[in-house]
Amino acid sequence: MILAKIHAGPVLDFFTPDFTTQLELPLAGTAIAAGFPSPAEEYLDLALDLNKELIQHPAATFYARVNGDSMIDAGIQDGDLLVIDKALEPKEGSIAVCYLDGEFTVKRLAVQEDDLYLMPANAEFKPIRITEENDFLVWGIVAYVIHKPG
């Protein structure tokens, strides 16, 4: 899949995917045990297209590369690739990409006593209370996080 950069910022770099490409990769016919090993099958019999697997709404899906560690305890690390779906409805607890006062950020949405907060997932960062004075928009919801292990 080819990605085209559409915005570079201090927290997120945005990309739009090219859905005209198709790459079917082999998929193991059985689940892989994370506990005790099970007898493995000697063949791969299914194909997997990550475009079809990860993207529910192609016209509303974007990618962003994360810069920073404010969401590390939610499994989002510096350098991770986010699959963002603008068609998904924001709700309490969603991890969202938000536009706040001229910058993009990724945080968990929280409502406390009728106030909206953007909650980091790192104790070194403080929650951000959204007020009427803020230029604020929930830009999209994080559908998947792709990162390298280790």
N, C-alpha and C. Protein backbone atom coordinates (compact mmCIF):
# COMPACT_ATOMS: atom_id res chain seq x y z
N MET A 1 0.84 -1.17 0.00
CA MET A 1 0.00 0.00 0.00
C MET A 1 0.89 1.24 0.00
N ILE A 2 0.56 2.20 -0.81
CA ILE A 2 1.29 3.45 -0.90
C ILE A 2 0.59 4.47 -0.02
N LEU A 3 1.37 5.22 0.78
CA LEU A 3 0.83 6.26 1.63
C LEU A 3 1.32 7.61 1.14
N ALA A 4 0.44 8.59 1.12
CA ALA A 4 0.82 9.95 0.75
C ALA A 4 0.67 10.84 1.98
N LYS A 5 1.75 11.55 2.37
CA LYS A 5 1.69 12.44 3.54
C LYS A 5 0.84 13.65 3.20
N ILE A 6 -0.14 13.93 4.07
CA ILE A 6 -1.03 15.07 3.84
C ILE A 6 -0.87 16.16 4.89
N HIS A 7 -0.21 15.85 6.03
CA HIS A 7 0.01 16.85 7.07
C HIS A 7 1.13 16.36 7.98
N ALA A 8 2.04 17.27 8.33
CA ALA A 8 3.10 16.96 9.29
C ALA A 8 2.96 17.90 10.47
N GLY A 9 2.94 17.34 11.67
CA GLY A 9 2.80 18.15 12.86
C GLY A 9 3.70 17.65 13.97
N PRO A 10 3.71 18.36 15.09
CA PRO A 10 4.59 17.95 16.19
C PRO A 10 4.17 16.67 16.89
N VAL A 11 2.88 16.32 16.84
CA VAL A 11 2.39 15.13 17.53
C VAL A 11 2.03 14.02 16.55
N LEU A 12 1.42 14.36 15.42
CA LEU A 12 0.97 13.37 14.44
C LEU A 12 1.32 13.80 13.02
N ASP A 13 1.80 12.87 12.22
CA ASP A 13 1.98 13.06 10.78
C ASP A 13 0.89 12.25 10.11
N PHE A 14 0.07 12.88 9.24
CA PHE A 14 -1.07 12.22 8.63
C PHE A 14 -0.76 11.75 7.22
N PHE A 15 -1.33 10.59 6.87
CA PHE A 15 -1.16 9.98 5.56
C PHE A 15 -2.52 9.52 5.07
N THR A 16 -2.68 9.51 3.76
CA THR A 16 -3.87 8.94 3.17
C THR A 16 -3.45 7.70 2.38
N PRO A 17 -4.19 6.60 2.51
CA PRO A 17 -3.80 5.37 1.82
C PRO A 17 -4.31 5.34 0.38
N ASP A 18 -3.61 4.57 -0.44
CA ASP A 18 -4.04 4.30 -1.80
C ASP A 18 -4.71 2.92 -1.79
N PHE A 19 -6.03 2.90 -1.95
CA PHE A 19 -6.79 1.65 -1.86
C PHE A 19 -6.86 0.91 -3.19
N THR A 20 -6.21 1.44 -4.22
CA THR A 20 -6.26 0.75 -5.51
C THR A 20 -5.31 -0.43 -5.53
N THR A 21 -4.37 -0.46 -4.59
CA THR A 21 -3.45 -1.59 -4.53
C THR A 21 -4.05 -2.72 -3.72
N GLN A 22 -3.63 -3.91 -4.01
CA GLN A 22 -4.09 -5.07 -3.27
C GLN A 22 -2.90 -5.97 -3.01
N LEU A 23 -2.74 -6.38 -1.79
CA LEU A 23 -1.65 -7.26 -1.43
C LEU A 23 -2.21 -8.33 -0.51
N GLU A 24 -2.41 -9.50 -1.06
CA GLU A 24 -2.91 -10.61 -0.27
C GLU A 24 -1.73 -11.39 0.26
N LEU A 25 -1.66 -11.50 1.57
CA LEU A 25 -0.58 -12.20 2.24
C LEU A 25 -1.08 -13.53 2.77
N PRO A 26 -0.20 -14.52 2.88
CA PRO A 26 -0.64 -15.81 3.42
C PRO A 26 -1.03 -15.70 4.88
N LEU A 27 -2.04 -16.41 5.28
CA LEU A 27 -2.54 -16.43 6.64
C LEU A 27 -2.58 -17.88 7.11
N ALA A 28 -2.00 -18.13 8.27
CA ALA A 28 -1.99 -19.49 8.80
C ALA A 28 -3.42 -19.97 9.00
N GLY A 29 -3.65 -21.23 8.68
CA GLY A 29 -5.00 -21.80 8.77
C GLY A 29 -5.44 -22.09 10.19
N THR A 30 -4.53 -22.02 11.15
CA THR A 30 -4.89 -22.24 12.55
C THR A 30 -4.39 -21.09 13.38
N ALA A 31 -4.96 -20.93 14.56
CA ALA A 31 -4.51 -19.90 15.49
C ALA A 31 -3.13 -20.27 16.02
N ILE A 32 -2.35 -19.28 16.40
CA ILE A 32 -1.03 -19.51 16.97
C ILE A 32 -1.15 -19.40 18.48
N ALA A 33 -0.72 -20.43 19.18
CA ALA A 33 -0.85 -20.48 20.64
C ALA A 33 0.11 -19.49 21.28
N ALA A 34 -0.37 -18.73 22.26
CA ALA A 34 0.47 -17.83 23.02
C ALA A 34 0.86 -18.47 24.34
N GLY A 35 0.37 -19.65 24.60
CA GLY A 35 0.72 -20.39 25.81
C GLY A 35 1.60 -21.56 25.43
N PHE A 36 1.11 -22.76 25.63
CA PHE A 36 1.87 -23.95 25.26
C PHE A 36 1.74 -24.18 23.76
N PRO A 37 2.82 -24.60 23.12
CA PRO A 37 2.76 -24.85 21.67
C PRO A 37 1.76 -25.94 21.34
N SER A 38 1.13 -25.77 20.19
CA SER A 38 0.23 -26.80 19.70
C SER A 38 0.80 -27.32 18.39
N PRO A 39 0.39 -28.50 17.96
CA PRO A 39 0.91 -29.01 16.69
C PRO A 39 0.58 -28.04 15.56
N ALA A 40 1.60 -27.60 14.84
CA ALA A 40 1.41 -26.62 13.76
C ALA A 40 1.09 -27.33 12.47
N GLU A 41 0.25 -26.67 11.68
CA GLU A 41 -0.03 -27.19 10.35
C GLU A 41 1.13 -26.81 9.44
N GLU A 42 1.41 -27.63 8.49
CA GLU A 42 2.57 -27.42 7.62
C GLU A 42 2.25 -26.55 6.40
N TYR A 43 1.10 -25.92 6.38
CA TYR A 43 0.76 -25.13 5.21
C TYR A 43 -0.01 -23.88 5.61
N LEU A 44 -0.01 -22.93 4.71
CA LEU A 44 -0.80 -21.71 4.84
C LEU A 44 -1.87 -21.78 3.76
N ASP A 45 -3.13 -21.71 4.16
CA ASP A 45 -4.16 -21.95 3.15
C ASP A 45 -5.12 -20.79 2.92
N LEU A 46 -4.94 -19.70 3.61
CA LEU A 46 -5.83 -18.57 3.45
C LEU A 46 -5.04 -17.33 3.04
N ALA A 47 -5.70 -16.37 2.44
CA ALA A 47 -5.06 -15.11 2.08
C ALA A 47 -5.71 -13.98 2.87
N LEU A 48 -4.93 -13.00 3.21
CA LEU A 48 -5.39 -11.88 4.00
C LEU A 48 -4.99 -10.60 3.30
N ASP A 49 -5.94 -9.71 3.05
CA ASP A 49 -5.67 -8.39 2.51
C ASP A 49 -5.88 -7.40 3.65
N LEU A 50 -4.79 -6.74 4.08
CA LEU A 50 -4.90 -5.84 5.23
C LEU A 50 -5.80 -4.65 4.96
N ASN A 51 -5.93 -4.21 3.71
CA ASN A 51 -6.88 -3.15 3.40
C ASN A 51 -8.29 -3.57 3.80
N LYS A 52 -8.67 -4.78 3.45
CA LYS A 52 -10.02 -5.27 3.76
C LYS A 52 -10.18 -5.55 5.25
N GLU A 53 -9.11 -5.98 5.90
CA GLU A 53 -9.17 -6.35 7.31
C GLU A 53 -9.23 -5.15 8.25
N LEU A 54 -8.47 -4.11 7.94
CA LEU A 54 -8.31 -2.98 8.85
C LEU A 54 -9.18 -1.78 8.53
N ILE A 55 -9.75 -1.74 7.34
CA ILE A 55 -10.43 -0.52 6.91
C ILE A 55 -11.90 -0.80 6.63
N GLN A 56 -12.74 -0.23 7.49
CA GLN A 56 -14.19 -0.41 7.36
C GLN A 56 -14.80 0.64 6.44
N HIS A 57 -14.28 1.87 6.49
CA HIS A 57 -14.81 2.99 5.70
C HIS A 57 -13.66 3.63 4.90
N PRO A 58 -13.35 3.10 3.70
CA PRO A 58 -12.19 3.59 2.95
C PRO A 58 -12.15 5.10 2.73
N ALA A 59 -13.27 5.71 2.40
CA ALA A 59 -13.27 7.15 2.11
C ALA A 59 -13.06 7.99 3.37
N ALA A 60 -13.21 7.39 4.54
CA ALA A 60 -13.09 8.13 5.80
C ALA A 60 -11.90 7.67 6.63
N THR A 61 -11.00 6.90 6.03
CA THR A 61 -9.88 6.33 6.78
C THR A 61 -8.58 7.01 6.42
N PHE A 62 -7.80 7.32 7.46
CA PHE A 62 -6.49 7.93 7.31
C PHE A 62 -5.53 7.23 8.25
N TYR A 63 -4.25 7.43 8.01
CA TYR A 63 -3.22 6.92 8.89
C TYR A 63 -2.49 8.11 9.50
N ALA A 64 -1.94 7.91 10.69
CA ALA A 64 -1.09 8.93 11.30
C ALA A 64 0.03 8.24 12.05
N ARG A 65 1.22 8.82 11.96
CA ARG A 65 2.37 8.31 12.70
C ARG A 65 2.48 9.15 13.97
N VAL A 66 2.63 8.46 15.11
CA VAL A 66 2.65 9.10 16.43
C VAL A 66 4.04 9.64 16.74
N ASN A 67 4.08 10.85 17.27
CA ASN A 67 5.30 11.45 17.80
C ASN A 67 5.04 11.76 19.27
N GLY A 68 5.71 11.06 20.18
CA GLY A 68 5.53 11.32 21.60
C GLY A 68 5.03 10.09 22.34
N ASP A 69 4.92 10.24 23.67
CA ASP A 69 4.58 9.09 24.51
C ASP A 69 3.46 9.36 25.51
N SER A 70 2.56 10.28 25.20
CA SER A 70 1.48 10.58 26.14
C SER A 70 0.43 9.47 26.22
N MET A 71 0.46 8.51 25.29
CA MET A 71 -0.53 7.42 25.29
C MET A 71 0.11 6.05 25.45
N ILE A 72 1.30 6.02 26.00
CA ILE A 72 2.08 4.78 26.07
C ILE A 72 1.39 3.70 26.90
N ASP A 73 0.67 4.08 27.97
CA ASP A 73 -0.01 3.08 28.79
C ASP A 73 -1.28 2.53 28.14
N ALA A 74 -1.68 3.11 27.00
CA ALA A 74 -2.79 2.58 26.20
C ALA A 74 -2.25 1.75 25.04
N GLY A 75 -0.94 1.49 25.03
CA GLY A 75 -0.34 0.68 23.98
C GLY A 75 0.01 1.47 22.73
N ILE A 76 0.00 2.80 22.81
CA ILE A 76 0.35 3.65 21.68
C ILE A 76 1.71 4.26 21.97
N GLN A 77 2.70 3.89 21.15
CA GLN A 77 4.08 4.29 21.39
C GLN A 77 4.56 5.25 20.31
N ASP A 78 5.63 5.97 20.63
CA ASP A 78 6.27 6.86 19.67
C ASP A 78 6.62 6.06 18.42
N GLY A 79 6.23 6.55 17.26
CA GLY A 79 6.51 5.87 16.00
C GLY A 79 5.43 4.94 15.52
N ASP A 80 4.42 4.65 16.35
CA ASP A 80 3.33 3.77 15.94
C ASP A 80 2.52 4.39 14.81
N LEU A 81 1.87 3.54 14.05
CA LEU A 81 0.99 3.97 12.98
C LEU A 81 -0.45 3.76 13.44
N LEU A 82 -1.25 4.82 13.41
CA LEU A 82 -2.66 4.74 13.80
C LEU A 82 -3.52 4.62 12.55
N VAL A 83 -4.52 3.76 12.60
CA VAL A 83 -5.55 3.68 11.56
C VAL A 83 -6.73 4.45 12.14
N ILE A 84 -7.07 5.58 11.51
CA ILE A 84 -8.08 6.50 12.03
C ILE A 84 -9.30 6.47 11.13
N ASP A 85 -10.45 6.25 11.72
CA ASP A 85 -11.71 6.18 10.97
C ASP A 85 -12.57 7.37 11.37
N LYS A 86 -12.76 8.30 10.43
CA LYS A 86 -13.56 9.50 10.70
C LYS A 86 -15.06 9.20 10.69
N ALA A 87 -15.47 8.03 10.23
CA ALA A 87 -16.89 7.67 10.18
C ALA A 87 -17.38 7.09 11.51
N LEU A 88 -16.48 6.70 12.40
CA LEU A 88 -16.89 6.13 13.68
C LEU A 88 -17.34 7.24 14.62
N GLU A 89 -18.37 6.96 15.40
CA GLU A 89 -18.90 7.94 16.34
C GLU A 89 -18.03 8.00 17.60
N PRO A 90 -17.66 9.20 18.03
CA PRO A 90 -16.92 9.32 19.30
C PRO A 90 -17.83 8.98 20.47
N LYS A 91 -17.27 8.32 21.47
CA LYS A 91 -18.04 8.01 22.68
C LYS A 91 -17.09 7.99 23.86
N GLU A 92 -17.64 7.97 25.04
CA GLU A 92 -16.86 7.90 26.27
C GLU A 92 -15.87 6.75 26.20
N GLY A 93 -14.60 7.04 26.44
CA GLY A 93 -13.58 6.00 26.44
C GLY A 93 -12.91 5.77 25.10
N SER A 94 -13.44 6.34 24.02
CA SER A 94 -12.80 6.19 22.71
C SER A 94 -11.43 6.86 22.72
N ILE A 95 -10.50 6.25 21.99
CA ILE A 95 -9.23 6.93 21.74
C ILE A 95 -9.43 7.68 20.44
N ALA A 96 -9.25 9.01 20.52
CA ALA A 96 -9.60 9.88 19.41
C ALA A 96 -8.42 10.74 18.99
N VAL A 97 -8.39 11.06 17.71
CA VAL A 97 -7.49 12.08 17.20
C VAL A 97 -8.30 13.36 17.19
N CYS A 98 -7.81 14.35 17.93
CA CYS A 98 -8.54 15.60 18.11
C CYS A 98 -7.72 16.78 17.60
N TYR A 99 -8.43 17.76 17.09
CA TYR A 99 -7.83 19.02 16.70
C TYR A 99 -8.11 19.99 17.83
N LEU A 100 -7.07 20.49 18.45
CA LEU A 100 -7.22 21.36 19.62
C LEU A 100 -6.33 22.58 19.47
N ASP A 101 -6.97 23.73 19.31
CA ASP A 101 -6.27 25.02 19.25
C ASP A 101 -5.11 25.01 18.26
N GLY A 102 -5.37 24.49 17.07
CA GLY A 102 -4.40 24.55 15.99
C GLY A 102 -3.46 23.37 15.88
N GLU A 103 -3.57 22.39 16.77
CA GLU A 103 -2.69 21.22 16.75
C GLU A 103 -3.51 19.94 16.86
N PHE A 104 -2.97 18.85 16.33
CA PHE A 104 -3.60 17.54 16.48
C PHE A 104 -3.00 16.83 17.69
N THR A 105 -3.83 16.06 18.38
CA THR A 105 -3.37 15.24 19.49
C THR A 105 -4.18 13.96 19.51
N VAL A 106 -3.64 12.92 20.15
CA VAL A 106 -4.39 11.68 20.32
C VAL A 106 -4.54 11.45 21.83
N LYS A 107 -5.79 11.27 22.27
CA LYS A 107 -6.10 11.09 23.69
C LYS A 107 -7.39 10.28 23.81
N ARG A 108 -7.65 9.80 25.03
CA ARG A 108 -8.90 9.10 25.33
C ARG A 108 -9.95 10.14 25.74
N LEU A 109 -11.18 10.00 25.20
CA LEU A 109 -12.27 10.92 25.54
C LEU A 109 -12.89 10.52 26.88
N ALA A 110 -13.12 11.52 27.74
CA ALA A 110 -13.73 11.26 29.04
C ALA A 110 -14.67 12.41 29.38
N VAL A 111 -15.83 12.06 29.92
CA VAL A 111 -16.79 13.05 30.40
C VAL A 111 -16.87 12.91 31.91
N GLN A 112 -16.62 14.03 32.61
CA GLN A 112 -16.69 14.04 34.07
C GLN A 112 -17.50 15.26 34.49
N GLU A 113 -18.62 15.01 35.15
CA GLU A 113 -19.51 16.08 35.62
C GLU A 113 -19.83 17.07 34.50
N ASP A 114 -20.24 16.56 33.36
CA ASP A 114 -20.63 17.34 32.18
C ASP A 114 -19.49 18.10 31.52
N ASP A 115 -18.26 17.85 31.90
CA ASP A 115 -17.10 18.45 31.24
C ASP A 115 -16.41 17.38 30.39
N LEU A 116 -15.90 17.81 29.24
CA LEU A 116 -15.16 16.91 28.36
C LEU A 116 -13.67 17.05 28.63
N TYR A 117 -13.00 15.91 28.78
CA TYR A 117 -11.56 15.89 29.01
C TYR A 117 -10.89 15.01 27.95
N LEU A 118 -9.70 15.39 27.60
CA LEU A 118 -8.83 14.55 26.79
C LEU A 118 -7.82 13.95 27.76
N MET A 119 -7.88 12.64 27.91
CA MET A 119 -7.10 11.95 28.93
C MET A 119 -5.87 11.29 28.33
N PRO A 120 -4.69 11.65 28.83
CA PRO A 120 -3.48 10.94 28.40
C PRO A 120 -3.43 9.56 29.06
N ALA A 121 -2.58 8.72 28.56
CA ALA A 121 -2.36 7.39 29.16
C ALA A 121 -0.89 7.30 29.56
N ASN A 122 -0.48 8.29 30.33
CA ASN A 122 0.87 8.39 30.84
C ASN A 122 0.80 9.35 32.02
N ALA A 123 1.21 8.90 33.21
CA ALA A 123 1.09 9.70 34.44
C ALA A 123 1.88 11.01 34.38
N GLU A 124 2.81 11.13 33.46
CA GLU A 124 3.60 12.36 33.35
C GLU A 124 2.87 13.48 32.62
N PHE A 125 1.69 13.19 32.09
CA PHE A 125 0.90 14.18 31.36
C PHE A 125 -0.41 14.43 32.11
N LYS A 126 -0.91 15.66 32.02
CA LYS A 126 -2.15 16.03 32.71
C LYS A 126 -3.33 15.97 31.73
N PRO A 127 -4.51 15.65 32.25
CA PRO A 127 -5.72 15.71 31.42
C PRO A 127 -5.93 17.13 30.89
N ILE A 128 -6.56 17.22 29.75
CA ILE A 128 -6.87 18.51 29.13
C ILE A 128 -8.38 18.70 29.19
N ARG A 129 -8.81 19.73 29.90
CA ARG A 129 -10.24 20.06 29.97
C ARG A 129 -10.60 20.92 28.77
N ILE A 130 -11.64 20.53 28.04
CA ILE A 130 -12.09 21.27 26.87
C ILE A 130 -13.14 22.29 27.33
N THR A 131 -12.94 23.54 26.95
CA THR A 131 -13.88 24.60 27.30
C THR A 131 -14.43 25.23 26.03
N GLU A 132 -15.37 26.13 26.18
CA GLU A 132 -15.93 26.84 25.03
C GLU A 132 -14.90 27.72 24.35
N GLU A 133 -13.86 28.10 25.05
CA GLU A 133 -12.82 28.95 24.48
C GLU A 133 -11.89 28.17 23.54
N ASN A 134 -11.88 26.86 23.64
CA ASN A 134 -11.01 26.05 22.79
C ASN A 134 -11.56 25.92 21.38
N ASP A 135 -10.66 25.91 20.40
CA ASP A 135 -10.99 25.53 19.04
C ASP A 135 -10.80 24.02 19.01
N PHE A 136 -11.90 23.26 19.06
CA PHE A 136 -11.83 21.82 19.30
C PHE A 136 -12.71 21.05 18.33
N LEU A 137 -12.17 19.90 17.87
CA LEU A 137 -12.91 19.00 17.00
C LEU A 137 -12.39 17.59 17.19
N VAL A 138 -13.31 16.63 17.36
CA VAL A 138 -12.91 15.22 17.31
C VAL A 138 -12.78 14.90 15.83
N TRP A 139 -11.55 14.69 15.37
CA TRP A 139 -11.27 14.52 13.95
C TRP A 139 -11.53 13.09 13.49
N GLY A 140 -11.28 12.12 14.36
CA GLY A 140 -11.51 10.73 14.01
C GLY A 140 -11.23 9.82 15.20
N ILE A 141 -11.64 8.58 15.08
CA ILE A 141 -11.47 7.58 16.15
C ILE A 141 -10.40 6.58 15.73
N VAL A 142 -9.53 6.25 16.66
CA VAL A 142 -8.47 5.28 16.39
C VAL A 142 -9.10 3.89 16.32
N ALA A 143 -9.01 3.27 15.16
CA ALA A 143 -9.59 1.94 14.96
C ALA A 143 -8.56 0.84 15.25
N TYR A 144 -7.30 1.10 14.88
CA TYR A 144 -6.21 0.14 15.10
C TYR A 144 -4.92 0.89 15.37
N VAL A 145 -4.03 0.23 16.09
CA VAL A 145 -2.68 0.71 16.33
C VAL A 145 -1.72 -0.33 15.79
N ILE A 146 -0.80 0.10 14.96
CA ILE A 146 0.19 -0.82 14.39
C ILE A 146 1.56 -0.41 14.92
N HIS A 147 2.20 -1.33 15.64
CA HIS A 147 3.56 -1.04 16.11
C HIS A 147 4.43 -2.27 16.11
N LYS A 148 5.72 -2.01 16.02
CA LYS A 148 6.69 -3.10 16.04
C LYS A 148 6.88 -3.57 17.48
N PRO A 149 6.94 -4.86 17.69
CA PRO A 149 7.18 -5.35 19.06
C PRO A 149 8.60 -5.06 19.50
N GLY A 150 8.75 -5.03 20.81
CA GLY A 150 10.10 -4.91 21.35
C GLY A 150 10.37 -3.59 21.84
